[in-house]
Amino acid sequence: MHQQSIPDRRFCIFSGLSGAIGVILLGLSFALANGPAPGTSSADMVTFAQLHGTAILGGAWLQAVGPVFIVLFAFALVHLAGATARLAGWMTFFGAATLMIVSLIEITFYIAALFPDPQPMMPISNNLIYAVQHLYFIVAAPALFLPLGIVLIRSRILPRVFGYLAIVLAAVFAVLGMAFLNRLILPDPVTAFAAIQALWWFAAAVTLIIRGGFGRPK
């Protein structure tokens, strides 16, 4: 059996911890940054922003930082798989960058919603947040999970089931993005599906930690 050096094992452990921490931070962000319900009047939205400004800012910070740890974990998987010079590896980097950009755009509107002048921004920003959420399903999640799934199937870093599940997630996100394109506000069951990908990241991170990197190709 191919034995890794201690630094390689540590790299796998710290990479897995990065993925797990990212998922935890994202979970906390969604718990903090709950927006007003669809159909809330503009006046009530302004009141909501005034009452929950601190929680919104805290959630925005967590949602900005959390994906950084997840992207680092994704890059580490590509590195460990020896796929940094392959097309699937490059496309994983592209997908991770796209996911990060979409997330940061959404966070920008979280913060913009709190500005009271020259007019309250909460009603406008809230609609822009709904619009940006479409991008996650249309391109961000599929662009990351599809190439990463291919990378994992062709390596021994994680059990290949993670690669196949990643490809399935990419397909489901893409289908949901097309199926609900005409719904300006995505239904709650659709947005809740995003939690499935968080479970994938967390399970993959924990598995990498437990395996200690012994599956890395020579």
N, C-alpha and C. Protein backbone atom coordinates (compact mmCIF):
# COMPACT_ATOMS: atom_id res chain seq x y z
N MET A 1 0.85 -1.20 0.00
CA MET A 1 0.00 0.00 0.00
C MET A 1 0.88 1.24 0.00
N HIS A 2 0.49 2.22 -0.80
CA HIS A 2 1.26 3.46 -0.87
C HIS A 2 1.10 4.22 0.44
N GLN A 3 2.20 4.57 1.08
CA GLN A 3 2.17 5.29 2.34
C GLN A 3 2.49 6.77 2.10
N GLN A 4 1.69 7.63 2.70
CA GLN A 4 1.94 9.05 2.59
C GLN A 4 2.87 9.51 3.70
N SER A 5 3.55 10.60 3.47
CA SER A 5 4.35 11.20 4.52
C SER A 5 3.44 11.91 5.50
N ILE A 6 3.97 12.21 6.68
CA ILE A 6 3.16 12.87 7.70
C ILE A 6 2.63 14.21 7.23
N PRO A 7 3.44 15.06 6.52
CA PRO A 7 2.88 16.32 6.04
C PRO A 7 1.68 16.12 5.13
N ASP A 8 1.70 15.08 4.27
CA ASP A 8 0.56 14.82 3.39
C ASP A 8 -0.68 14.47 4.20
N ARG A 9 -0.50 13.67 5.21
CA ARG A 9 -1.64 13.32 6.06
C ARG A 9 -2.19 14.56 6.74
N ARG A 10 -1.28 15.39 7.22
CA ARG A 10 -1.73 16.63 7.85
C ARG A 10 -2.47 17.52 6.86
N PHE A 11 -1.96 17.54 5.62
CA PHE A 11 -2.63 18.35 4.59
C PHE A 11 -4.06 17.87 4.40
N CYS A 12 -4.26 16.57 4.35
CA CYS A 12 -5.61 16.01 4.18
C CYS A 12 -6.50 16.36 5.37
N ILE A 13 -5.95 16.25 6.56
CA ILE A 13 -6.74 16.54 7.76
C ILE A 13 -7.14 18.02 7.80
N PHE A 14 -6.17 18.90 7.55
CA PHE A 14 -6.49 20.34 7.59
C PHE A 14 -7.41 20.73 6.44
N SER A 15 -7.27 20.07 5.29
CA SER A 15 -8.18 20.34 4.17
C SER A 15 -9.60 19.93 4.53
N GLY A 16 -9.73 18.74 5.16
CA GLY A 16 -11.05 18.30 5.59
C GLY A 16 -11.65 19.22 6.63
N LEU A 17 -10.83 19.69 7.56
CA LEU A 17 -11.31 20.63 8.56
C LEU A 17 -11.79 21.92 7.92
N SER A 18 -11.10 22.35 6.87
CA SER A 18 -11.52 23.55 6.15
C SER A 18 -12.92 23.38 5.57
N GLY A 19 -13.17 22.23 4.94
CA GLY A 19 -14.50 21.98 4.39
C GLY A 19 -15.57 21.93 5.46
N ALA A 20 -15.28 21.26 6.57
CA ALA A 20 -16.27 21.15 7.65
C ALA A 20 -16.56 22.51 8.28
N ILE A 21 -15.51 23.30 8.50
CA ILE A 21 -15.70 24.63 9.07
C ILE A 21 -16.53 25.50 8.14
N GLY A 22 -16.26 25.41 6.84
CA GLY A 22 -17.03 26.20 5.88
C GLY A 22 -18.51 25.88 5.94
N VAL A 23 -18.85 24.60 6.03
CA VAL A 23 -20.26 24.20 6.10
C VAL A 23 -20.90 24.73 7.38
N ILE A 24 -20.19 24.64 8.49
CA ILE A 24 -20.72 25.12 9.77
C ILE A 24 -20.97 26.62 9.72
N LEU A 25 -20.02 27.36 9.16
CA LEU A 25 -20.20 28.81 9.05
C LEU A 25 -21.39 29.16 8.17
N LEU A 26 -21.56 28.43 7.07
CA LEU A 26 -22.72 28.68 6.21
C LEU A 26 -24.03 28.39 6.93
N GLY A 27 -24.06 27.28 7.67
CA GLY A 27 -25.26 26.96 8.43
C GLY A 27 -25.61 28.05 9.42
N LEU A 28 -24.61 28.58 10.09
CA LEU A 28 -24.86 29.67 11.04
C LEU A 28 -25.34 30.93 10.32
N SER A 29 -24.80 31.17 9.13
CA SER A 29 -25.20 32.37 8.38
C SER A 29 -26.67 32.31 8.00
N PHE A 30 -27.13 31.14 7.56
CA PHE A 30 -28.53 31.02 7.18
C PHE A 30 -29.44 31.13 8.40
N ALA A 31 -28.95 30.70 9.55
CA ALA A 31 -29.74 30.82 10.77
C ALA A 31 -29.87 32.28 11.21
N LEU A 32 -28.85 33.08 10.93
CA LEU A 32 -28.86 34.49 11.35
C LEU A 32 -29.56 35.39 10.36
N ALA A 33 -29.24 35.23 9.07
CA ALA A 33 -29.68 36.19 8.05
C ALA A 33 -30.99 35.78 7.41
N ASN A 34 -32.01 35.58 8.20
CA ASN A 34 -33.35 35.29 7.66
C ASN A 34 -34.00 36.60 7.23
N GLY A 35 -34.42 36.66 5.98
CA GLY A 35 -35.03 37.87 5.48
C GLY A 35 -36.53 37.89 5.70
N PRO A 36 -37.19 39.01 5.38
CA PRO A 36 -38.64 39.08 5.51
C PRO A 36 -39.33 38.13 4.54
N ALA A 37 -40.51 37.70 4.89
CA ALA A 37 -41.24 36.76 4.05
C ALA A 37 -41.69 37.43 2.76
N PRO A 38 -41.79 36.66 1.65
CA PRO A 38 -42.29 37.23 0.40
C PRO A 38 -43.67 37.85 0.61
N GLY A 39 -43.89 39.00 -0.01
CA GLY A 39 -45.17 39.68 0.14
C GLY A 39 -45.20 40.68 1.26
N THR A 40 -44.14 40.78 2.04
CA THR A 40 -44.08 41.77 3.12
C THR A 40 -44.10 43.17 2.53
N SER A 41 -44.84 44.06 3.14
CA SER A 41 -44.93 45.42 2.63
C SER A 41 -43.59 46.14 2.76
N SER A 42 -43.41 47.20 1.97
CA SER A 42 -42.17 47.95 2.00
C SER A 42 -41.91 48.54 3.38
N ALA A 43 -42.97 49.05 4.02
CA ALA A 43 -42.81 49.64 5.35
C ALA A 43 -42.37 48.60 6.36
N ASP A 44 -42.96 47.42 6.27
CA ASP A 44 -42.57 46.35 7.20
C ASP A 44 -41.14 45.87 6.92
N MET A 45 -40.72 45.90 5.65
CA MET A 45 -39.35 45.53 5.32
C MET A 45 -38.36 46.50 5.96
N VAL A 46 -38.67 47.78 5.92
CA VAL A 46 -37.81 48.79 6.53
C VAL A 46 -37.72 48.55 8.03
N THR A 47 -38.84 48.25 8.65
CA THR A 47 -38.83 47.96 10.08
C THR A 47 -38.01 46.71 10.37
N PHE A 48 -38.14 45.71 9.52
CA PHE A 48 -37.38 44.47 9.68
C PHE A 48 -35.88 44.77 9.64
N ALA A 49 -35.46 45.61 8.69
CA ALA A 49 -34.04 45.95 8.57
C ALA A 49 -33.54 46.67 9.81
N GLN A 50 -34.36 47.54 10.36
CA GLN A 50 -33.97 48.28 11.56
C GLN A 50 -33.84 47.36 12.77
N LEU A 51 -34.71 46.38 12.87
CA LEU A 51 -34.71 45.49 14.04
C LEU A 51 -33.66 44.40 13.96
N HIS A 52 -33.34 43.97 12.73
CA HIS A 52 -32.46 42.81 12.57
C HIS A 52 -31.16 43.14 11.86
N GLY A 53 -30.77 44.41 11.88
CA GLY A 53 -29.56 44.82 11.17
C GLY A 53 -28.32 44.08 11.62
N THR A 54 -28.14 43.92 12.92
CA THR A 54 -26.95 43.25 13.44
C THR A 54 -26.90 41.79 13.00
N ALA A 55 -28.05 41.12 13.06
CA ALA A 55 -28.10 39.71 12.64
C ALA A 55 -27.82 39.58 11.16
N ILE A 56 -28.34 40.51 10.35
CA ILE A 56 -28.11 40.47 8.91
C ILE A 56 -26.64 40.65 8.59
N LEU A 57 -26.00 41.59 9.27
CA LEU A 57 -24.56 41.81 9.04
C LEU A 57 -23.73 40.61 9.49
N GLY A 58 -24.11 40.03 10.62
CA GLY A 58 -23.40 38.83 11.08
C GLY A 58 -23.56 37.68 10.12
N GLY A 59 -24.78 37.50 9.62
CA GLY A 59 -25.02 36.44 8.64
C GLY A 59 -24.28 36.69 7.35
N ALA A 60 -24.20 37.96 6.94
CA ALA A 60 -23.47 38.30 5.72
C ALA A 60 -21.98 37.97 5.87
N TRP A 61 -21.42 38.29 7.04
CA TRP A 61 -20.00 37.98 7.27
C TRP A 61 -19.76 36.47 7.20
N LEU A 62 -20.62 35.71 7.85
CA LEU A 62 -20.47 34.25 7.85
C LEU A 62 -20.61 33.67 6.45
N GLN A 63 -21.57 34.22 5.68
CA GLN A 63 -21.78 33.70 4.33
C GLN A 63 -20.66 34.12 3.39
N ALA A 64 -19.94 35.18 3.72
CA ALA A 64 -18.79 35.57 2.91
C ALA A 64 -17.58 34.69 3.21
N VAL A 65 -17.38 34.36 4.47
CA VAL A 65 -16.20 33.61 4.89
C VAL A 65 -16.38 32.11 4.68
N GLY A 66 -17.59 31.59 4.94
CA GLY A 66 -17.83 30.15 4.83
C GLY A 66 -17.45 29.55 3.49
N PRO A 67 -17.90 30.13 2.37
CA PRO A 67 -17.53 29.57 1.06
C PRO A 67 -16.03 29.58 0.79
N VAL A 68 -15.29 30.49 1.41
CA VAL A 68 -13.84 30.51 1.21
C VAL A 68 -13.23 29.19 1.70
N PHE A 69 -13.68 28.72 2.86
CA PHE A 69 -13.18 27.46 3.40
C PHE A 69 -13.61 26.28 2.52
N ILE A 70 -14.84 26.34 1.99
CA ILE A 70 -15.31 25.26 1.13
C ILE A 70 -14.54 25.25 -0.19
N VAL A 71 -14.30 26.42 -0.76
CA VAL A 71 -13.51 26.50 -1.99
C VAL A 71 -12.10 25.99 -1.76
N LEU A 72 -11.51 26.33 -0.61
CA LEU A 72 -10.19 25.81 -0.28
C LEU A 72 -10.19 24.29 -0.23
N PHE A 73 -11.25 23.72 0.35
CA PHE A 73 -11.39 22.27 0.41
C PHE A 73 -11.50 21.67 -0.99
N ALA A 74 -12.30 22.31 -1.86
CA ALA A 74 -12.44 21.83 -3.24
C ALA A 74 -11.10 21.87 -3.98
N PHE A 75 -10.34 22.96 -3.81
CA PHE A 75 -9.03 23.07 -4.44
C PHE A 75 -8.10 21.97 -3.92
N ALA A 76 -8.19 21.71 -2.61
CA ALA A 76 -7.33 20.67 -2.02
C ALA A 76 -7.64 19.30 -2.61
N LEU A 77 -8.93 19.02 -2.85
CA LEU A 77 -9.30 17.75 -3.46
C LEU A 77 -8.71 17.61 -4.86
N VAL A 78 -8.76 18.69 -5.62
CA VAL A 78 -8.19 18.67 -6.96
C VAL A 78 -6.68 18.44 -6.88
N HIS A 79 -6.04 19.10 -5.94
CA HIS A 79 -4.59 18.94 -5.76
C HIS A 79 -4.24 17.51 -5.37
N LEU A 80 -4.97 16.97 -4.39
CA LEU A 80 -4.69 15.61 -3.92
C LEU A 80 -4.94 14.58 -5.01
N ALA A 81 -5.89 14.86 -5.89
CA ALA A 81 -6.20 13.93 -6.97
C ALA A 81 -5.21 14.05 -8.13
N GLY A 82 -4.30 15.00 -8.05
CA GLY A 82 -3.34 15.19 -9.13
C GLY A 82 -3.99 15.70 -10.40
N ALA A 83 -5.07 16.48 -10.25
CA ALA A 83 -5.83 16.94 -11.42
C ALA A 83 -5.68 18.42 -11.69
N THR A 84 -4.68 19.06 -11.11
CA THR A 84 -4.54 20.51 -11.29
C THR A 84 -4.23 20.90 -12.73
N ALA A 85 -3.68 19.96 -13.50
CA ALA A 85 -3.35 20.26 -14.90
C ALA A 85 -4.33 19.63 -15.88
N ARG A 86 -5.42 19.07 -15.37
CA ARG A 86 -6.43 18.45 -16.23
C ARG A 86 -7.60 19.40 -16.43
N LEU A 87 -8.35 19.17 -17.51
CA LEU A 87 -9.49 20.03 -17.81
C LEU A 87 -10.51 20.01 -16.67
N ALA A 88 -10.80 18.83 -16.11
CA ALA A 88 -11.77 18.75 -15.02
C ALA A 88 -11.30 19.56 -13.82
N GLY A 89 -9.99 19.55 -13.56
CA GLY A 89 -9.45 20.35 -12.47
C GLY A 89 -9.59 21.83 -12.72
N TRP A 90 -9.27 22.26 -13.95
CA TRP A 90 -9.43 23.68 -14.30
C TRP A 90 -10.89 24.12 -14.18
N MET A 91 -11.81 23.28 -14.64
CA MET A 91 -13.23 23.63 -14.58
C MET A 91 -13.74 23.64 -13.13
N THR A 92 -13.13 22.83 -12.27
CA THR A 92 -13.47 22.90 -10.85
C THR A 92 -13.07 24.26 -10.28
N PHE A 93 -11.89 24.73 -10.66
CA PHE A 93 -11.46 26.06 -10.22
C PHE A 93 -12.43 27.13 -10.73
N PHE A 94 -12.84 26.99 -12.01
CA PHE A 94 -13.79 27.94 -12.58
C PHE A 94 -15.11 27.90 -11.82
N GLY A 95 -15.61 26.69 -11.55
CA GLY A 95 -16.87 26.56 -10.85
C GLY A 95 -16.80 27.13 -9.44
N ALA A 96 -15.68 26.91 -8.76
CA ALA A 96 -15.51 27.44 -7.41
C ALA A 96 -15.49 28.97 -7.43
N ALA A 97 -14.82 29.55 -8.43
CA ALA A 97 -14.78 31.01 -8.56
C ALA A 97 -16.18 31.56 -8.85
N THR A 98 -16.93 30.86 -9.70
CA THR A 98 -18.29 31.29 -10.01
C THR A 98 -19.17 31.25 -8.77
N LEU A 99 -19.06 30.16 -8.01
CA LEU A 99 -19.83 30.03 -6.76
C LEU A 99 -19.49 31.16 -5.80
N MET A 100 -18.22 31.48 -5.69
CA MET A 100 -17.79 32.54 -4.78
C MET A 100 -18.34 33.89 -5.22
N ILE A 101 -18.31 34.15 -6.51
CA ILE A 101 -18.81 35.43 -7.03
C ILE A 101 -20.31 35.57 -6.77
N VAL A 102 -21.07 34.52 -7.04
CA VAL A 102 -22.52 34.56 -6.82
C VAL A 102 -22.82 34.80 -5.34
N SER A 103 -22.08 34.12 -4.48
CA SER A 103 -22.28 34.29 -3.04
C SER A 103 -21.98 35.72 -2.61
N LEU A 104 -20.89 36.29 -3.12
CA LEU A 104 -20.52 37.65 -2.72
C LEU A 104 -21.52 38.68 -3.25
N ILE A 105 -22.07 38.44 -4.44
CA ILE A 105 -23.09 39.35 -4.96
C ILE A 105 -24.31 39.34 -4.05
N GLU A 106 -24.73 38.15 -3.64
CA GLU A 106 -25.90 38.05 -2.75
C GLU A 106 -25.62 38.76 -1.43
N ILE A 107 -24.43 38.60 -0.90
CA ILE A 107 -24.07 39.22 0.37
C ILE A 107 -24.06 40.74 0.24
N THR A 108 -23.63 41.25 -0.91
CA THR A 108 -23.64 42.69 -1.14
C THR A 108 -25.04 43.26 -0.98
N PHE A 109 -26.04 42.53 -1.47
CA PHE A 109 -27.41 43.00 -1.35
C PHE A 109 -27.94 42.87 0.07
N TYR A 110 -27.41 41.90 0.84
CA TYR A 110 -27.76 41.84 2.27
C TYR A 110 -27.38 43.15 2.96
N ILE A 111 -26.13 43.57 2.70
CA ILE A 111 -25.63 44.78 3.36
C ILE A 111 -26.33 46.03 2.82
N ALA A 112 -26.53 46.06 1.49
CA ALA A 112 -27.19 47.21 0.87
C ALA A 112 -28.60 47.40 1.40
N ALA A 113 -29.25 46.31 1.80
CA ALA A 113 -30.62 46.40 2.31
C ALA A 113 -30.73 47.24 3.57
N LEU A 114 -29.62 47.44 4.27
CA LEU A 114 -29.65 48.16 5.54
C LEU A 114 -29.49 49.67 5.38
N PHE A 115 -29.16 50.13 4.16
CA PHE A 115 -28.97 51.57 3.96
C PHE A 115 -30.32 52.29 3.98
N PRO A 116 -30.46 53.32 4.82
CA PRO A 116 -31.74 54.04 4.88
C PRO A 116 -31.85 55.20 3.89
N ASP A 117 -30.73 55.70 3.39
CA ASP A 117 -30.72 56.88 2.52
C ASP A 117 -30.07 56.55 1.18
N PRO A 118 -30.46 57.20 0.07
CA PRO A 118 -31.46 58.27 0.01
C PRO A 118 -32.90 57.78 0.16
N GLN A 119 -33.10 56.46 0.04
CA GLN A 119 -34.40 55.88 0.34
C GLN A 119 -34.13 54.47 0.86
N PRO A 120 -35.06 53.91 1.64
CA PRO A 120 -34.82 52.57 2.18
C PRO A 120 -34.55 51.56 1.07
N MET A 121 -33.47 50.80 1.21
CA MET A 121 -33.05 49.88 0.17
C MET A 121 -33.59 48.46 0.35
N MET A 122 -34.17 48.16 1.51
CA MET A 122 -34.60 46.79 1.79
C MET A 122 -35.52 46.22 0.71
N PRO A 123 -36.57 46.92 0.27
CA PRO A 123 -37.45 46.32 -0.76
C PRO A 123 -36.72 46.00 -2.06
N ILE A 124 -35.82 46.91 -2.51
CA ILE A 124 -35.09 46.67 -3.75
C ILE A 124 -34.08 45.54 -3.58
N SER A 125 -33.32 45.61 -2.51
CA SER A 125 -32.30 44.60 -2.28
C SER A 125 -32.91 43.21 -2.11
N ASN A 126 -34.06 43.15 -1.47
CA ASN A 126 -34.70 41.86 -1.26
C ASN A 126 -35.04 41.20 -2.60
N ASN A 127 -35.53 41.99 -3.55
CA ASN A 127 -35.83 41.44 -4.87
C ASN A 127 -34.56 41.02 -5.61
N LEU A 128 -33.49 41.78 -5.44
CA LEU A 128 -32.23 41.43 -6.07
C LEU A 128 -31.65 40.13 -5.49
N ILE A 129 -31.86 39.92 -4.21
CA ILE A 129 -31.42 38.66 -3.58
C ILE A 129 -32.17 37.49 -4.19
N TYR A 130 -33.48 37.64 -4.38
CA TYR A 130 -34.26 36.58 -5.02
C TYR A 130 -33.73 36.30 -6.43
N ALA A 131 -33.33 37.37 -7.13
CA ALA A 131 -32.82 37.20 -8.49
C ALA A 131 -31.49 36.45 -8.50
N VAL A 132 -30.61 36.80 -7.58
CA VAL A 132 -29.29 36.18 -7.53
C VAL A 132 -29.40 34.70 -7.16
N GLN A 133 -30.38 34.34 -6.36
CA GLN A 133 -30.54 32.93 -5.97
C GLN A 133 -30.73 32.03 -7.17
N HIS A 134 -31.29 32.56 -8.24
CA HIS A 134 -31.44 31.76 -9.47
C HIS A 134 -30.08 31.35 -10.02
N LEU A 135 -29.08 32.24 -9.89
CA LEU A 135 -27.76 31.96 -10.45
C LEU A 135 -27.11 30.75 -9.80
N TYR A 136 -27.39 30.54 -8.53
CA TYR A 136 -26.80 29.40 -7.84
C TYR A 136 -27.25 28.10 -8.50
N PHE A 137 -28.54 28.02 -8.84
CA PHE A 137 -29.08 26.80 -9.44
C PHE A 137 -28.73 26.71 -10.92
N ILE A 138 -28.73 27.83 -11.62
CA ILE A 138 -28.50 27.81 -13.06
C ILE A 138 -27.06 27.46 -13.40
N VAL A 139 -26.10 28.08 -12.69
CA VAL A 139 -24.70 27.91 -13.10
C VAL A 139 -23.74 27.60 -11.96
N ALA A 140 -23.86 28.25 -10.81
CA ALA A 140 -22.82 28.14 -9.79
C ALA A 140 -22.63 26.72 -9.28
N ALA A 141 -23.71 26.10 -8.80
CA ALA A 141 -23.60 24.74 -8.26
C ALA A 141 -23.26 23.71 -9.34
N PRO A 142 -23.94 23.72 -10.49
CA PRO A 142 -23.57 22.75 -11.53
C PRO A 142 -22.14 22.90 -12.01
N ALA A 143 -21.66 24.14 -12.16
CA ALA A 143 -20.32 24.37 -12.68
C ALA A 143 -19.24 23.87 -11.73
N LEU A 144 -19.57 23.76 -10.45
CA LEU A 144 -18.60 23.25 -9.49
C LEU A 144 -18.72 21.74 -9.29
N PHE A 145 -19.94 21.26 -9.10
CA PHE A 145 -20.11 19.85 -8.75
C PHE A 145 -19.80 18.90 -9.92
N LEU A 146 -20.12 19.30 -11.15
CA LEU A 146 -19.88 18.40 -12.28
C LEU A 146 -18.39 18.09 -12.47
N PRO A 147 -17.53 19.10 -12.64
CA PRO A 147 -16.11 18.76 -12.83
C PRO A 147 -15.47 18.14 -11.58
N LEU A 148 -15.91 18.59 -10.39
CA LEU A 148 -15.35 18.00 -9.18
C LEU A 148 -15.74 16.53 -9.07
N GLY A 149 -16.95 16.20 -9.47
CA GLY A 149 -17.37 14.80 -9.48
C GLY A 149 -16.50 13.97 -10.41
N ILE A 150 -16.18 14.51 -11.57
CA ILE A 150 -15.31 13.80 -12.52
C ILE A 150 -13.93 13.59 -11.92
N VAL A 151 -13.41 14.62 -11.26
CA VAL A 151 -12.10 14.51 -10.60
C VAL A 151 -12.11 13.39 -9.57
N LEU A 152 -13.16 13.33 -8.76
CA LEU A 152 -13.21 12.33 -7.68
C LEU A 152 -13.41 10.91 -8.22
N ILE A 153 -14.16 10.77 -9.29
CA ILE A 153 -14.36 9.44 -9.88
C ILE A 153 -13.04 8.88 -10.42
N ARG A 154 -12.20 9.76 -10.91
CA ARG A 154 -10.94 9.33 -11.51
C ARG A 154 -9.79 9.24 -10.50
N SER A 155 -10.09 9.40 -9.22
CA SER A 155 -9.04 9.34 -8.21
C SER A 155 -9.48 8.43 -7.07
N ARG A 156 -8.59 8.24 -6.11
CA ARG A 156 -8.89 7.42 -4.94
C ARG A 156 -8.86 8.24 -3.65
N ILE A 157 -8.97 9.54 -3.77
CA ILE A 157 -8.95 10.40 -2.60
C ILE A 157 -10.13 10.12 -1.68
N LEU A 158 -11.31 10.03 -2.27
CA LEU A 158 -12.54 9.71 -1.55
C LEU A 158 -13.19 8.51 -2.23
N PRO A 159 -14.07 7.81 -1.54
CA PRO A 159 -14.84 6.76 -2.22
C PRO A 159 -15.54 7.33 -3.46
N ARG A 160 -15.55 6.57 -4.54
CA ARG A 160 -16.08 7.09 -5.81
C ARG A 160 -17.55 7.48 -5.73
N VAL A 161 -18.25 6.99 -4.72
CA VAL A 161 -19.65 7.37 -4.58
C VAL A 161 -19.79 8.88 -4.42
N PHE A 162 -18.80 9.53 -3.83
CA PHE A 162 -18.86 10.99 -3.70
C PHE A 162 -18.81 11.65 -5.07
N GLY A 163 -18.02 11.10 -5.98
CA GLY A 163 -17.97 11.64 -7.33
C GLY A 163 -19.29 11.50 -8.06
N TYR A 164 -19.88 10.32 -7.96
CA TYR A 164 -21.17 10.10 -8.62
C TYR A 164 -22.27 10.97 -8.02
N LEU A 165 -22.25 11.11 -6.69
CA LEU A 165 -23.25 11.96 -6.04
C LEU A 165 -23.07 13.42 -6.45
N ALA A 166 -21.82 13.86 -6.62
CA ALA A 166 -21.57 15.23 -7.05
C ALA A 166 -22.16 15.49 -8.43
N ILE A 167 -22.01 14.52 -9.33
CA ILE A 167 -22.57 14.67 -10.67
C ILE A 167 -24.09 14.70 -10.63
N VAL A 168 -24.68 13.85 -9.77
CA VAL A 168 -26.14 13.87 -9.61
C VAL A 168 -26.60 15.22 -9.08
N LEU A 169 -25.88 15.76 -8.09
CA LEU A 169 -26.24 17.08 -7.55
C LEU A 169 -26.15 18.15 -8.63
N ALA A 170 -25.11 18.10 -9.46
CA ALA A 170 -24.97 19.07 -10.53
C ALA A 170 -26.17 19.01 -11.48
N ALA A 171 -26.58 17.80 -11.82
CA ALA A 171 -27.72 17.63 -12.73
C ALA A 171 -29.01 18.13 -12.11
N VAL A 172 -29.23 17.80 -10.84
CA VAL A 172 -30.47 18.22 -10.17
C VAL A 172 -30.54 19.73 -10.04
N PHE A 173 -29.42 20.36 -9.66
CA PHE A 173 -29.40 21.82 -9.55
C PHE A 173 -29.68 22.46 -10.91
N ALA A 174 -29.08 21.94 -11.97
CA ALA A 174 -29.30 22.50 -13.30
C ALA A 174 -30.75 22.36 -13.73
N VAL A 175 -31.35 21.20 -13.46
CA VAL A 175 -32.75 20.96 -13.82
C VAL A 175 -33.67 21.90 -13.04
N LEU A 176 -33.42 22.04 -11.75
CA LEU A 176 -34.24 22.95 -10.94
C LEU A 176 -34.09 24.39 -11.43
N GLY A 177 -32.87 24.77 -11.82
CA GLY A 177 -32.65 26.12 -12.32
C GLY A 177 -33.45 26.40 -13.57
N MET A 178 -33.54 25.41 -14.46
CA MET A 178 -34.33 25.59 -15.69
C MET A 178 -35.82 25.49 -15.42
N ALA A 179 -36.22 24.54 -14.56
CA ALA A 179 -37.64 24.30 -14.32
C ALA A 179 -38.32 25.48 -13.66
N PHE A 180 -37.58 26.22 -12.82
CA PHE A 180 -38.18 27.33 -12.07
C PHE A 180 -37.67 28.68 -12.53
N LEU A 181 -37.21 28.73 -13.77
CA LEU A 181 -36.68 29.98 -14.30
C LEU A 181 -37.74 31.06 -14.36
N ASN A 182 -39.00 30.67 -14.60
CA ASN A 182 -40.09 31.64 -14.71
C ASN A 182 -40.66 32.06 -13.36
N ARG A 183 -40.17 31.47 -12.28
CA ARG A 183 -40.60 31.87 -10.94
C ARG A 183 -39.59 32.88 -10.39
N LEU A 184 -40.00 34.14 -10.31
CA LEU A 184 -39.06 35.17 -9.86
C LEU A 184 -38.55 34.89 -8.46
N ILE A 185 -39.41 34.33 -7.62
CA ILE A 185 -39.01 33.92 -6.27
C ILE A 185 -39.05 32.41 -6.21
N LEU A 186 -37.90 31.79 -6.00
CA LEU A 186 -37.85 30.33 -5.96
C LEU A 186 -38.66 29.80 -4.78
N PRO A 187 -39.42 28.75 -4.97
CA PRO A 187 -40.20 28.17 -3.87
C PRO A 187 -39.28 27.68 -2.75
N ASP A 188 -39.80 27.70 -1.54
CA ASP A 188 -39.02 27.29 -0.38
C ASP A 188 -38.45 25.87 -0.51
N PRO A 189 -39.23 24.89 -1.02
CA PRO A 189 -38.65 23.54 -1.17
C PRO A 189 -37.44 23.51 -2.10
N VAL A 190 -37.43 24.40 -3.10
CA VAL A 190 -36.30 24.44 -4.04
C VAL A 190 -35.07 25.03 -3.36
N THR A 191 -35.24 26.16 -2.69
CA THR A 191 -34.09 26.76 -2.01
C THR A 191 -33.60 25.86 -0.87
N ALA A 192 -34.51 25.12 -0.25
CA ALA A 192 -34.11 24.21 0.83
C ALA A 192 -33.23 23.09 0.31
N PHE A 193 -33.34 22.78 -0.98
CA PHE A 193 -32.52 21.71 -1.56
C PHE A 193 -31.04 22.04 -1.47
N ALA A 194 -30.73 23.34 -1.36
CA ALA A 194 -29.32 23.74 -1.25
C ALA A 194 -28.67 23.12 -0.02
N ALA A 195 -29.48 22.77 0.98
CA ALA A 195 -28.92 22.15 2.18
C ALA A 195 -28.33 20.77 1.87
N ILE A 196 -28.82 20.12 0.80
CA ILE A 196 -28.29 18.81 0.43
C ILE A 196 -26.83 18.90 0.06
N GLN A 197 -26.47 19.96 -0.68
CA GLN A 197 -25.06 20.09 -1.06
C GLN A 197 -24.19 20.35 0.17
N ALA A 198 -24.74 21.03 1.18
CA ALA A 198 -23.98 21.24 2.41
C ALA A 198 -23.66 19.91 3.08
N LEU A 199 -24.62 19.00 3.06
CA LEU A 199 -24.39 17.66 3.62
C LEU A 199 -23.30 16.94 2.85
N TRP A 200 -23.29 17.11 1.52
CA TRP A 200 -22.25 16.48 0.70
C TRP A 200 -20.87 17.00 1.10
N TRP A 201 -20.74 18.31 1.20
CA TRP A 201 -19.45 18.90 1.57
C TRP A 201 -19.00 18.40 2.94
N PHE A 202 -19.92 18.37 3.88
CA PHE A 202 -19.56 17.98 5.24
C PHE A 202 -19.15 16.51 5.28
N ALA A 203 -19.93 15.65 4.60
CA ALA A 203 -19.59 14.22 4.58
C ALA A 203 -18.26 13.98 3.89
N ALA A 204 -17.99 14.69 2.79
CA ALA A 204 -16.72 14.55 2.08
C ALA A 204 -15.56 15.01 2.95
N ALA A 205 -15.77 16.11 3.68
CA ALA A 205 -14.71 16.62 4.54
C ALA A 205 -14.38 15.65 5.67
N VAL A 206 -15.41 15.13 6.32
CA VAL A 206 -15.20 14.19 7.42
C VAL A 206 -14.54 12.91 6.90
N THR A 207 -14.96 12.45 5.74
CA THR A 207 -14.37 11.24 5.16
C THR A 207 -12.89 11.43 4.87
N LEU A 208 -12.52 12.60 4.34
CA LEU A 208 -11.11 12.85 4.05
C LEU A 208 -10.29 12.87 5.34
N ILE A 209 -10.86 13.43 6.39
CA ILE A 209 -10.15 13.47 7.68
C ILE A 209 -9.93 12.05 8.20
N ILE A 210 -10.98 11.23 8.13
CA ILE A 210 -10.89 9.87 8.65
C ILE A 210 -9.91 9.03 7.85
N ARG A 211 -9.97 9.16 6.54
CA ARG A 211 -9.08 8.37 5.68
C ARG A 211 -7.63 8.80 5.83
N GLY A 212 -7.42 10.02 6.24
CA GLY A 212 -6.07 10.51 6.45
C GLY A 212 -5.24 10.61 5.20
N GLY A 213 -5.90 10.56 4.04
CA GLY A 213 -5.18 10.74 2.79
C GLY A 213 -4.50 9.50 2.24
N PHE A 214 -4.80 8.32 2.78
CA PHE A 214 -4.12 7.12 2.28
C PHE A 214 -4.50 6.77 0.86
N GLY A 215 -5.59 7.36 0.37
CA GLY A 215 -6.01 7.04 -1.00
C GLY A 215 -5.38 7.89 -2.07
N ARG A 216 -4.46 8.77 -1.69
CA ARG A 216 -3.88 9.66 -2.69
C ARG A 216 -3.08 8.87 -3.73
N PRO A 217 -3.29 9.17 -5.04
CA PRO A 217 -2.57 8.45 -6.07
C PRO A 217 -1.08 8.70 -6.00
N LYS A 218 -0.31 7.73 -6.50
CA LYS A 218 1.13 7.89 -6.51
C LYS A 218 1.56 8.95 -7.50
